Amino acid sequence: MTDLHEIILGDVTVTRVEETHGPIMPADQFFPDLPEQAWKDHRDMLVPDHLGADDAMVHVAMQTWLLRSEGRTILIDTGVGNDKSRPAVAAWDHQQLDYLGNLARAGVRPEDVDLVVNTHLHVDHVGWNTRLVDGAWTPTFPNATYLMPRADFERWNPATHPDIAGGVNENVFEDSIAPVHAAGQVLLWEDSHTIDAHLRLEAAPGHTPGSSVINLASGSDRAVFAGDLLHTPLQLMEPEHNSCFCEDPVASRATRHKILGRAADHNALILPAHFAGHGALEVQRSAATFTIKQWAPFSRL
């Protein structure tokens, strides 16, 4: 291990690059079926990183996992982005944050990035795919290939799914996906995709049709970059409960049990897209649920 915002897993270096963190939604809206008592029972574990101390607001991080593997620089998810019109989420509308400055502090310029992996194509995972240059949406990472799940690319294309209008993903395809595709930088994949000898993409549907995870196996180390498999640690103890943004609740539950169970069996580090605080953890089985074995020593960059 190196410093606290970076760890080494086998031959892969992992750095946490945050865009922002803080309260996002009331717990009863974010997880409408999750019993209020469960939040109370685990309050000491959740406050302050995952739940407000004085209210019932769920806290999350918008962040990128930066990987250096086999000589390449890889970004997993790209947050919300700047200058984007986001009428459904006021806090994200035309925001101005220093994400690229945080990336620079990790030693990475946009032109250094070789590969961008969008675990799925929700608004808060694709924002920095592009940036506004002279009034036009331009790929932020000009030398990168962007890996996108085909199922989500088709799901969020307003040409075939006009129901996007008025939803949380309104404008996202037009400003964060289509410009990269038009530039010839998108590789659409299905089922699974091998990134290199250490990293493999795996379909993990439920949250969205194309939701995915990235499995890391290098030396004796194992990890899973879990996207939106989890939004709060409470879902470890309550894995049957989904967020309000999960499009297929049945598939979401099945995928969560599958990925968490495999991580527990193989002592794999789990790196969800949105956990604030330490951000990554190992789990162990506890009957039909899971408990936290230990947190990883990540801090914010």
C-alpha atoms as a PDB file:
ATOM      1  CA  MET A   1       0.000   0.000   0.000  1.00  0.00           C
ATOM      2  CA  THR A   2       1.045   3.599  -0.613  1.00  0.00           C
ATOM      3  CA  ASP A   3      -0.621   6.728   0.732  1.00  0.00           C
ATOM      4  CA  LEU A   4      -4.221   6.883   1.879  1.00  0.00           C
ATOM      5  CA  HIS A   5      -5.894   7.885  -1.381  1.00  0.00           C
ATOM      6  CA  GLU A   6      -4.098   5.172  -3.340  1.00  0.00           C
ATOM      7  CA  ILE A   7      -3.675   1.432  -2.914  1.00  0.00           C
ATOM      8  CA  ILE A   8      -1.905  -1.229  -4.935  1.00  0.00           C
ATOM      9  CA  LEU A   9      -3.724  -4.447  -5.803  1.00  0.00           C
ATOM     10  CA  GLY A  10      -1.360  -6.890  -7.433  1.00  0.00           C
ATOM     11  CA  ASP A  11       0.051  -5.038 -10.442  1.00  0.00           C
ATOM     12  CA  VAL A  12      -2.755  -2.444 -10.510  1.00  0.00           C
ATOM     13  CA  THR A  13      -2.646   0.923  -8.759  1.00  0.00           C
ATOM     14  CA  VAL A  14      -6.032   2.327  -7.688  1.00  0.00           C
ATOM     15  CA  THR A  15      -6.572   5.999  -6.863  1.00  0.00           C
ATOM     16  CA  ARG A  16      -9.789   7.580  -5.659  1.00  0.00           C
ATOM     17  CA  VAL A  17     -10.607  10.884  -7.394  1.00  0.00           C
ATOM     18  CA  GLU A  18     -13.648  12.635  -6.001  1.00  0.00           C
ATOM     19  CA  GLU A  19     -15.872  15.129  -7.760  1.00  0.00           C
ATOM     20  CA  THR A  20     -18.028  15.974  -4.730  1.00  0.00           C
ATOM     21  CA  HIS A  21     -19.747  14.392  -1.732  1.00  0.00           C
ATOM     22  CA  GLY A  22     -22.584  15.197   0.626  1.00  0.00           C
ATOM     23  CA  PRO A  23     -26.339  14.779   1.159  1.00  0.00           C
ATOM     24  CA  ILE A  24     -28.400  13.761  -1.854  1.00  0.00           C
ATOM     25  CA  MET A  25     -31.903  12.541  -0.902  1.00  0.00           C
ATOM     26  CA  PRO A  26     -34.047  11.699   2.138  1.00  0.00           C
ATOM     27  CA  ALA A  27     -33.662   8.040   3.031  1.00  0.00           C
ATOM     28  CA  ASP A  28     -37.362   7.268   2.670  1.00  0.00           C
ATOM     29  CA  GLN A  29     -37.356   8.616  -0.889  1.00  0.00           C
ATOM     30  CA  PHE A  30     -34.049   7.078  -1.967  1.00  0.00           C
ATOM     31  CA  PHE A  31     -35.007   3.656  -0.549  1.00  0.00           C
ATOM     32  CA  PRO A  32     -38.821   3.708  -0.327  1.00  0.00           C
ATOM     33  CA  ASP A  33     -39.158   0.066   0.776  1.00  0.00           C
ATOM     34  CA  LEU A  34     -36.352   0.024   3.339  1.00  0.00           C
ATOM     35  CA  PRO A  35     -37.808   0.029   6.875  1.00  0.00           C
ATOM     36  CA  GLU A  36     -37.184   3.130   8.954  1.00  0.00           C
ATOM     37  CA  GLN A  37     -36.144   0.914  11.839  1.00  0.00           C
ATOM     38  CA  ALA A  38     -33.208  -0.451   9.825  1.00  0.00           C
ATOM     39  CA  TRP A  39     -31.764   3.070   9.524  1.00  0.00           C
ATOM     40  CA  LYS A  40     -32.143   3.494  13.279  1.00  0.00           C
ATOM     41  CA  ASP A  41     -30.616   0.104  14.103  1.00  0.00           C
ATOM     42  CA  HIS A  42     -27.464   0.861  12.088  1.00  0.00           C
ATOM     43  CA  ARG A  43     -27.264   4.597  12.674  1.00  0.00           C
ATOM     44  CA  ASP A  44     -23.898   4.431  14.452  1.00  0.00           C
ATOM     45  CA  MET A  45     -22.357   2.772  11.398  1.00  0.00           C
ATOM     46  CA  LEU A  46     -23.946   5.159   8.907  1.00  0.00           C
ATOM     47  CA  VAL A  47     -23.424   8.562  10.523  1.00  0.00           C
ATOM     48  CA  PRO A  48     -21.783  10.815   9.391  1.00  0.00           C
ATOM     49  CA  ASP A  49     -20.388   9.446   6.111  1.00  0.00           C
ATOM     50  CA  HIS A  50     -23.532   7.753   4.804  1.00  0.00           C
ATOM     51  CA  LEU A  51     -26.374   9.446   6.713  1.00  0.00           C
ATOM     52  CA  GLY A  52     -26.797  12.920   8.120  1.00  0.00           C
ATOM     53  CA  ALA A  53     -26.290  13.282  11.865  1.00  0.00           C
ATOM     54  CA  ASP A  54     -29.230  15.645  12.303  1.00  0.00           C
ATOM     55  CA  ASP A  55     -31.578  14.531   9.549  1.00  0.00           C
ATOM     56  CA  ALA A  56     -32.470  11.520   7.406  1.00  0.00           C
ATOM     57  CA  MET A  57     -30.509  12.571   4.326  1.00  0.00           C
ATOM     58  CA  VAL A  58     -28.457   9.889   2.603  1.00  0.00           C
ATOM     59  CA  HIS A  59     -24.885  11.007   1.897  1.00  0.00           C
ATOM     60  CA  VAL A  60     -22.996   9.823  -1.174  1.00  0.00           C
ATOM     61  CA  ALA A  61     -19.863  10.638  -3.166  1.00  0.00           C
ATOM     62  CA  MET A  62     -19.530  11.328  -6.868  1.00  0.00           C
ATOM     63  CA  GLN A  63     -16.150   9.912  -7.769  1.00  0.00           C
ATOM     64  CA  THR A  64     -13.911   8.144 -10.241  1.00  0.00           C
ATOM     65  CA  TRP A  65     -11.725   5.134  -9.637  1.00  0.00           C
ATOM     66  CA  LEU A  66      -8.456   5.824 -11.436  1.00  0.00           C
ATOM     67  CA  LEU A  67      -6.542   2.681 -12.380  1.00  0.00           C
ATOM     68  CA  ARG A  68      -3.052   2.269 -13.748  1.00  0.00           C
ATOM     69  CA  SER A  69      -2.763  -1.174 -15.288  1.00  0.00           C
ATOM     70  CA  GLU A  70      -0.379  -2.630 -17.889  1.00  0.00           C
ATOM     71  CA  GLY A  71       0.937   0.830 -18.714  1.00  0.00           C
ATOM     72  CA  ARG A  72      -2.512   2.312 -19.334  1.00  0.00           C
ATOM     73  CA  THR A  73      -4.494   4.962 -17.466  1.00  0.00           C
ATOM     74  CA  ILE A  74      -8.111   3.912 -16.925  1.00  0.00           C
ATOM     75  CA  LEU A  75     -11.022   5.867 -15.451  1.00  0.00           C
ATOM     76  CA  ILE A  76     -14.075   4.098 -14.041  1.00  0.00           C
ATOM     77  CA  ASP A  77     -17.081   6.456 -14.210  1.00  0.00           C
ATOM     78  CA  THR A  78     -16.911  10.202 -14.684  1.00  0.00           C
ATOM     79  CA  GLY A  79     -19.380  11.830 -12.285  1.00  0.00           C
ATOM     80  CA  VAL A  80     -21.891  14.571 -13.086  1.00  0.00           C
ATOM     81  CA  GLY A  81     -19.787  17.063 -15.043  1.00  0.00           C
ATOM     82  CA  ASN A  82     -19.790  20.835 -15.396  1.00  0.00           C
ATOM     83  CA  ASP A  83     -22.094  23.126 -17.384  1.00  0.00           C
ATOM     84  CA  LYS A  84     -24.700  20.413 -17.987  1.00  0.00           C
ATOM     85  CA  SER A  85     -28.422  21.237 -18.076  1.00  0.00           C
ATOM     86  CA  ARG A  86     -29.963  18.971 -15.445  1.00  0.00           C
ATOM     87  CA  PRO A  87     -33.529  20.176 -14.828  1.00  0.00           C
ATOM     88  CA  ALA A  88     -34.442  17.137 -12.719  1.00  0.00           C
ATOM     89  CA  VAL A  89     -31.659  17.692 -10.156  1.00  0.00           C
ATOM     90  CA  ALA A  90     -31.131  21.324  -9.204  1.00  0.00           C
ATOM     91  CA  ALA A  91     -27.825  20.658  -7.422  1.00  0.00           C
ATOM     92  CA  TRP A  92     -26.337  19.222 -10.625  1.00  0.00           C
ATOM     93  CA  ASP A  93     -27.659  21.871 -12.977  1.00  0.00           C
ATOM     94  CA  HIS A  94     -24.799  23.811 -14.598  1.00  0.00           C
ATOM     95  CA  GLN A  95     -22.512  22.918 -11.701  1.00  0.00           C
ATOM     96  CA  GLN A  96     -18.928  24.166 -11.532  1.00  0.00           C
ATOM     97  CA  LEU A  97     -16.539  21.801  -9.753  1.00  0.00           C
ATOM     98  CA  ASP A  98     -12.788  21.192  -9.931  1.00  0.00           C
ATOM     99  CA  TYR A  99     -12.877  17.551 -10.965  1.00  0.00           C
ATOM    100  CA  LEU A 100     -10.167  18.002 -13.587  1.00  0.00           C
ATOM    101  CA  GLY A 101      -8.047  19.730 -10.953  1.00  0.00           C
ATOM    102  CA  ASN A 102      -8.476  16.716  -8.687  1.00  0.00           C
ATOM    103  CA  LEU A 103      -7.499  14.462 -11.559  1.00  0.00           C
ATOM    104  CA  ALA A 104      -4.417  16.616 -12.181  1.00  0.00           C
ATOM    105  CA  ARG A 105      -3.463  16.267  -8.516  1.00  0.00           C
ATOM    106  CA  ALA A 106      -3.470  12.512  -9.134  1.00  0.00           C
ATOM    107  CA  GLY A 107      -0.959  13.127 -11.920  1.00  0.00           C
ATOM    108  CA  VAL A 108      -3.359  12.718 -14.845  1.00  0.00           C
ATOM    109  CA  ARG A 109      -4.128  15.161 -17.654  1.00  0.00           C
ATOM    110  CA  PRO A 110      -7.146  14.540 -19.919  1.00  0.00           C
ATOM    111  CA  GLU A 111      -4.871  13.571 -22.800  1.00  0.00           C
ATOM    112  CA  ASP A 112      -3.176  10.928 -20.619  1.00  0.00           C
ATOM    113  CA  VAL A 113      -6.305   8.803 -20.277  1.00  0.00           C
ATOM    114  CA  ASP A 114      -6.336   5.659 -22.402  1.00  0.00           C
ATOM    115  CA  LEU A 115      -9.664   4.140 -21.401  1.00  0.00           C
ATOM    116  CA  VAL A 116     -12.908   5.398 -19.835  1.00  0.00           C
ATOM    117  CA  VAL A 117     -15.325   2.803 -18.452  1.00  0.00           C
ATOM    118  CA  ASN A 118     -18.904   3.896 -17.806  1.00  0.00           C
ATOM    119  CA  THR A 119     -20.352   1.200 -15.550  1.00  0.00           C
ATOM    120  CA  HIS A 120     -23.770   2.357 -16.765  1.00  0.00           C
ATOM    121  CA  LEU A 121     -25.113   5.444 -18.465  1.00  0.00           C
ATOM    122  CA  HIS A 122     -26.923   7.284 -15.700  1.00  0.00           C
ATOM    123  CA  VAL A 123     -26.437  11.035 -15.367  1.00  0.00           C
ATOM    124  CA  ASP A 124     -23.953  10.785 -12.477  1.00  0.00           C
ATOM    125  CA  HIS A 125     -21.619   8.318 -14.203  1.00  0.00           C
ATOM    126  CA  VAL A 126     -21.019   9.974 -17.572  1.00  0.00           C
ATOM    127  CA  GLY A 127     -20.853  13.723 -16.922  1.00  0.00           C
ATOM    128  CA  TRP A 128     -17.151  14.275 -17.487  1.00  0.00           C
ATOM    129  CA  ASN A 129     -17.246  12.177 -20.649  1.00  0.00           C
ATOM    130  CA  THR A 130     -17.491  15.581 -22.309  1.00  0.00           C
ATOM    131  CA  ARG A 131     -16.816  19.222 -21.550  1.00  0.00           C
ATOM    132  CA  LEU A 132     -18.008  22.450 -23.107  1.00  0.00           C
ATOM    133  CA  VAL A 133     -15.451  23.908 -25.551  1.00  0.00           C
ATOM    134  CA  ASP A 134     -16.418  26.955 -27.637  1.00  0.00           C
ATOM    135  CA  GLY A 135     -20.088  26.149 -27.158  1.00  0.00           C
ATOM    136  CA  ALA A 136     -19.820  22.502 -28.232  1.00  0.00           C
ATOM    137  CA  TRP A 137     -19.744  19.289 -26.209  1.00  0.00           C
ATOM    138  CA  THR A 138     -16.322  17.764 -26.806  1.00  0.00           C
ATOM    139  CA  PRO A 139     -14.839  14.494 -25.472  1.00  0.00           C
ATOM    140  CA  THR A 140     -12.907  15.400 -22.318  1.00  0.00           C
ATOM    141  CA  PHE A 141     -10.389  12.618 -22.901  1.00  0.00           C
ATOM    142  CA  PRO A 142      -9.355  12.973 -26.543  1.00  0.00           C
ATOM    143  CA  ASN A 143      -7.120   9.905 -26.721  1.00  0.00           C
ATOM    144  CA  ALA A 144      -9.371   7.514 -24.811  1.00  0.00           C
ATOM    145  CA  THR A 145     -11.632   4.696 -25.869  1.00  0.00           C
ATOM    146  CA  TYR A 146     -14.919   4.884 -23.957  1.00  0.00           C
ATOM    147  CA  LEU A 147     -16.408   1.511 -23.019  1.00  0.00           C
ATOM    148  CA  MET A 148     -20.206   1.728 -22.772  1.00  0.00           C
ATOM    149  CA  PRO A 149     -22.736  -1.079 -22.289  1.00  0.00           C
ATOM    150  CA  ARG A 150     -24.780  -1.494 -25.451  1.00  0.00           C
ATOM    151  CA  ALA A 151     -28.005  -2.143 -23.518  1.00  0.00           C
ATOM    152  CA  ASP A 152     -27.796   1.247 -21.814  1.00  0.00           C
ATOM    153  CA  PHE A 153     -26.736   3.019 -25.004  1.00  0.00           C
ATOM    154  CA  GLU A 154     -29.929   1.764 -26.602  1.00  0.00           C
ATOM    155  CA  ARG A 155     -32.040   2.371 -23.488  1.00  0.00           C
ATOM    156  CA  TRP A 156     -31.126   6.043 -23.127  1.00  0.00           C
ATOM    157  CA  ASN A 157     -31.178   7.028 -26.779  1.00  0.00           C
ATOM    158  CA  PRO A 158     -34.071   9.533 -26.993  1.00  0.00           C
ATOM    159  CA  ALA A 159     -34.538   8.710 -30.659  1.00  0.00           C
ATOM    160  CA  THR A 160     -35.955   5.332 -29.652  1.00  0.00           C
ATOM    161  CA  HIS A 161     -37.021   6.084 -26.052  1.00  0.00           C
ATOM    162  CA  PRO A 162     -38.706   9.496 -25.829  1.00  0.00           C
ATOM    163  CA  ASP A 163     -39.776   8.749 -22.225  1.00  0.00           C
ATOM    164  CA  ILE A 164     -36.397  10.131 -21.134  1.00  0.00           C
ATOM    165  CA  ALA A 165     -37.856  13.646 -21.387  1.00  0.00           C
ATOM    166  CA  GLY A 166     -38.589  14.925 -17.891  1.00  0.00           C
ATOM    167  CA  GLY A 167     -36.598  12.173 -16.186  1.00  0.00           C
ATOM    168  CA  VAL A 168     -33.305  12.266 -14.324  1.00  0.00           C
ATOM    169  CA  ASN A 169     -31.410  11.362 -17.514  1.00  0.00           C
ATOM    170  CA  GLU A 170     -32.869  14.177 -19.602  1.00  0.00           C
ATOM    171  CA  ASN A 171     -30.230  15.721 -21.924  1.00  0.00           C
ATOM    172  CA  VAL A 172     -27.614  13.149 -20.884  1.00  0.00           C
ATOM    173  CA  PHE A 173     -27.449  11.245 -24.155  1.00  0.00           C
ATOM    174  CA  GLU A 174     -27.182  14.456 -26.149  1.00  0.00           C
ATOM    175  CA  ASP A 175     -24.425  16.120 -24.116  1.00  0.00           C
ATOM    176  CA  SER A 176     -22.421  13.252 -22.593  1.00  0.00           C
ATOM    177  CA  ILE A 177     -22.839  10.199 -24.828  1.00  0.00           C
ATOM    178  CA  ALA A 178     -23.653  11.141 -28.426  1.00  0.00           C
ATOM    179  CA  PRO A 179     -20.679  13.532 -28.833  1.00  0.00           C
ATOM    180  CA  VAL A 180     -18.224  10.803 -27.828  1.00  0.00           C
ATOM    181  CA  HIS A 181     -19.914   8.335 -30.153  1.00  0.00           C
ATOM    182  CA  ALA A 182     -19.820  10.855 -32.997  1.00  0.00           C
ATOM    183  CA  ALA A 183     -16.085  11.294 -32.397  1.00  0.00           C
ATOM    184  CA  GLY A 184     -15.576   7.565 -32.985  1.00  0.00           C
ATOM    185  CA  GLN A 185     -14.322   6.932 -29.449  1.00  0.00           C
ATOM    186  CA  VAL A 186     -17.070   4.598 -28.159  1.00  0.00           C
ATOM    187  CA  LEU A 187     -16.802   0.830 -27.979  1.00  0.00           C
ATOM    188  CA  LEU A 188     -20.138  -0.807 -27.159  1.00  0.00           C
ATOM    189  CA  TRP A 189     -19.963  -4.175 -25.418  1.00  0.00           C
ATOM    190  CA  GLU A 190     -22.354  -6.904 -24.250  1.00  0.00           C
ATOM    191  CA  ASP A 191     -22.229  -9.711 -21.646  1.00  0.00           C
ATOM    192  CA  SER A 192     -18.512  -9.375 -20.812  1.00  0.00           C
ATOM    193  CA  HIS A 193     -15.394  -7.646 -22.049  1.00  0.00           C
ATOM    194  CA  THR A 194     -11.746  -8.268 -21.220  1.00  0.00           C
ATOM    195  CA  ILE A 195      -9.869  -5.024 -20.586  1.00  0.00           C
ATOM    196  CA  ASP A 196      -6.463  -6.558 -19.887  1.00  0.00           C
ATOM    197  CA  ALA A 197      -4.881  -9.443 -17.998  1.00  0.00           C
ATOM    198  CA  HIS A 198      -6.089  -8.013 -14.669  1.00  0.00           C
ATOM    199  CA  LEU A 199      -9.457  -6.402 -15.467  1.00  0.00           C
ATOM    200  CA  ARG A 200     -12.688  -7.763 -16.898  1.00  0.00           C
ATOM    201  CA  LEU A 201     -16.082  -6.148 -17.405  1.00  0.00           C
ATOM    202  CA  GLU A 202     -19.129  -8.215 -16.453  1.00  0.00           C
ATOM    203  CA  ALA A 203     -22.787  -7.458 -17.081  1.00  0.00           C
ATOM    204  CA  ALA A 204     -24.661  -6.879 -13.807  1.00  0.00           C
ATOM    205  CA  PRO A 205     -28.166  -5.842 -14.909  1.00  0.00           C
ATOM    206  CA  GLY A 206     -30.983  -4.591 -12.739  1.00  0.00           C
ATOM    207  CA  HIS A 207     -30.153  -1.051 -11.749  1.00  0.00           C
ATOM    208  CA  THR A 208     -30.195  -0.353 -15.482  1.00  0.00           C
ATOM    209  CA  PRO A 209     -30.357  -2.859 -18.356  1.00  0.00           C
ATOM    210  CA  GLY A 210     -26.650  -2.428 -19.037  1.00  0.00           C
ATOM    211  CA  SER A 211     -25.277  -1.998 -15.523  1.00  0.00           C
ATOM    212  CA  SER A 212     -21.888  -3.638 -15.089  1.00  0.00           C
ATOM    213  CA  VAL A 213     -19.060  -4.303 -12.677  1.00  0.00           C
ATOM    214  CA  ILE A 214     -15.318  -4.481 -13.272  1.00  0.00           C
ATOM    215  CA  ASN A 215     -13.564  -7.478 -11.756  1.00  0.00           C
ATOM    216  CA  LEU A 216      -9.898  -7.177 -10.795  1.00  0.00           C
ATOM    217  CA  ALA A 217      -7.729 -10.256 -10.341  1.00  0.00           C
ATOM    218  CA  SER A 218      -4.010  -9.578 -10.050  1.00  0.00           C
ATOM    219  CA  GLY A 219      -1.628 -11.780  -8.119  1.00  0.00           C
ATOM    220  CA  SER A 220      -3.442 -12.818  -4.959  1.00  0.00           C
ATOM    221  CA  ASP A 221      -5.579  -9.658  -4.851  1.00  0.00           C
ATOM    222  CA  ARG A 222      -9.227  -9.507  -5.868  1.00  0.00           C
ATOM    223  CA  ALA A 223     -11.552  -6.513  -6.180  1.00  0.00           C
ATOM    224  CA  VAL A 224     -14.831  -5.542  -7.777  1.00  0.00           C
ATOM    225  CA  PHE A 225     -15.661  -2.017  -8.908  1.00  0.00           C
ATOM    226  CA  ALA A 226     -19.347  -2.338  -8.191  1.00  0.00           C
ATOM    227  CA  GLY A 227     -20.975   0.684  -9.829  1.00  0.00           C
ATOM    228  CA  ASP A 228     -24.460   1.194  -8.404  1.00  0.00           C
ATOM    229  CA  LEU A 229     -24.838  -2.293  -6.972  1.00  0.00           C
ATOM    230  CA  LEU A 230     -24.983  -0.475  -3.609  1.00  0.00           C
ATOM    231  CA  HIS A 231     -25.753   3.119  -2.657  1.00  0.00           C
ATOM    232  CA  THR A 232     -25.477   2.701   1.108  1.00  0.00           C
ATOM    233  CA  PRO A 233     -23.752   0.188   3.402  1.00  0.00           C
ATOM    234  CA  LEU A 234     -27.201  -0.568   4.816  1.00  0.00           C
ATOM    235  CA  GLN A 235     -27.864  -2.605   1.676  1.00  0.00           C
ATOM    236  CA  LEU A 236     -25.333  -5.126   2.925  1.00  0.00           C
ATOM    237  CA  MET A 237     -27.554  -5.918   5.901  1.00  0.00           C
ATOM    238  CA  GLU A 238     -30.689  -5.384   3.807  1.00  0.00           C
ATOM    239  CA  PRO A 239     -29.707  -6.704   0.344  1.00  0.00           C
ATOM    240  CA  GLU A 240     -33.330  -7.196  -0.715  1.00  0.00           C
ATOM    241  CA  HIS A 241     -33.897  -3.452  -0.848  1.00  0.00           C
ATOM    242  CA  ASN A 242     -33.188  -1.367  -3.940  1.00  0.00           C
ATOM    243  CA  SER A 243     -32.848   2.329  -4.552  1.00  0.00           C
ATOM    244  CA  CYS A 244     -35.691   4.169  -6.250  1.00  0.00           C
ATOM    245  CA  PHE A 245     -33.544   4.345  -9.399  1.00  0.00           C
ATOM    246  CA  CYS A 246     -33.311   0.586  -9.959  1.00  0.00           C
ATOM    247  CA  GLU A 247     -35.244  -0.171 -13.131  1.00  0.00           C
ATOM    248  CA  ASP A 248     -35.649  -3.924 -12.598  1.00  0.00           C
ATOM    249  CA  PRO A 249     -36.023  -4.586  -8.846  1.00  0.00           C
ATOM    250  CA  VAL A 250     -35.986  -8.388  -9.168  1.00  0.00           C
ATOM    251  CA  ALA A 251     -32.815  -8.427 -11.257  1.00  0.00           C
ATOM    252  CA  SER A 252     -31.188  -5.839  -8.964  1.00  0.00           C
ATOM    253  CA  ARG A 253     -31.684  -8.059  -5.925  1.00  0.00           C
ATOM    254  CA  ALA A 254     -30.372 -11.146  -7.707  1.00  0.00           C
ATOM    255  CA  THR A 255     -27.312  -9.313  -9.006  1.00  0.00           C
ATOM    256  CA  ARG A 256     -26.550  -7.813  -5.592  1.00  0.00           C
ATOM    257  CA  HIS A 257     -26.647 -11.217  -3.890  1.00  0.00           C
ATOM    258  CA  LYS A 258     -24.506 -12.767  -6.626  1.00  0.00           C
ATOM    259  CA  ILE A 259     -21.764 -10.132  -6.649  1.00  0.00           C
ATOM    260  CA  LEU A 260     -21.636  -9.653  -2.870  1.00  0.00           C
ATOM    261  CA  GLY A 261     -21.579 -13.389  -2.285  1.00  0.00           C
ATOM    262  CA  ARG A 262     -18.704 -13.889  -4.684  1.00  0.00           C
ATOM    263  CA  ALA A 263     -16.809 -10.980  -3.118  1.00  0.00           C
ATOM    264  CA  ALA A 264     -17.266 -12.486   0.343  1.00  0.00           C
ATOM    265  CA  ASP A 265     -16.128 -15.923  -0.824  1.00  0.00           C
ATOM    266  CA  HIS A 266     -12.965 -14.555  -2.467  1.00  0.00           C
ATOM    267  CA  ASN A 267     -12.058 -11.799   0.016  1.00  0.00           C
ATOM    268  CA  ALA A 268     -12.505  -9.274  -2.769  1.00  0.00           C
ATOM    269  CA  LEU A 269     -12.394  -5.567  -2.040  1.00  0.00           C
ATOM    270  CA  ILE A 270     -15.679  -3.894  -3.050  1.00  0.00           C
ATOM    271  CA  LEU A 271     -15.451  -0.390  -4.488  1.00  0.00           C
ATOM    272  CA  PRO A 272     -18.961   1.032  -5.030  1.00  0.00           C
ATOM    273  CA  ALA A 273     -19.373   4.129  -7.147  1.00  0.00           C
ATOM    274  CA  HIS A 274     -20.918   6.281  -4.435  1.00  0.00           C
ATOM    275  CA  PHE A 275     -19.680   5.350  -0.964  1.00  0.00           C
ATOM    276  CA  ALA A 276     -18.375   8.365   0.901  1.00  0.00           C
ATOM    277  CA  GLY A 277     -16.059   8.015   3.882  1.00  0.00           C
ATOM    278  CA  HIS A 278     -13.453   5.308   3.261  1.00  0.00           C
ATOM    279  CA  GLY A 279     -15.209   4.371   0.023  1.00  0.00           C
ATOM    280  CA  ALA A 280     -14.232   0.689  -0.236  1.00  0.00           C
ATOM    281  CA  LEU A 281     -14.674  -2.370   1.959  1.00  0.00           C
ATOM    282  CA  GLU A 282     -14.529  -6.125   2.371  1.00  0.00           C
ATOM    283  CA  VAL A 283     -17.618  -8.085   3.411  1.00  0.00           C
ATOM    284  CA  GLN A 284     -18.460 -11.440   4.918  1.00  0.00           C
ATOM    285  CA  ARG A 285     -21.599 -13.545   4.774  1.00  0.00           C
ATOM    286  CA  SER A 286     -24.047 -13.472   7.663  1.00  0.00           C
ATOM    287  CA  ALA A 287     -26.849 -15.947   6.946  1.00  0.00           C
ATOM    288  CA  ALA A 288     -28.700 -14.473   3.934  1.00  0.00           C
ATOM    289  CA  THR A 289     -27.173 -11.027   4.388  1.00  0.00           C
ATOM    290  CA  PHE A 290     -23.695  -9.513   4.663  1.00  0.00           C
ATOM    291  CA  THR A 291     -21.664  -7.600   7.210  1.00  0.00           C
ATOM    292  CA  ILE A 292     -18.635  -5.360   6.940  1.00  0.00           C
ATOM    293  CA  LYS A 293     -15.388  -7.221   7.504  1.00  0.00           C
ATOM    294  CA  GLN A 294     -13.197  -4.138   7.193  1.00  0.00           C
ATOM    295  CA  TRP A 295     -13.006  -0.800   5.434  1.00  0.00           C
ATOM    296  CA  ALA A 296     -10.175  -0.021   3.024  1.00  0.00           C
ATOM    297  CA  PRO A 297      -7.880   2.861   3.967  1.00  0.00           C
ATOM    298  CA  PHE A 298      -8.976   5.300   1.259  1.00  0.00           C
ATOM    299  CA  SER A 299      -9.218   9.015   1.945  1.00  0.00           C
ATOM    300  CA  ARG A 300     -10.308  11.748  -0.448  1.00  0.00           C
ATOM    301  CA  LEU A 301      -7.792  13.134  -2.893  1.00  0.00           C
END
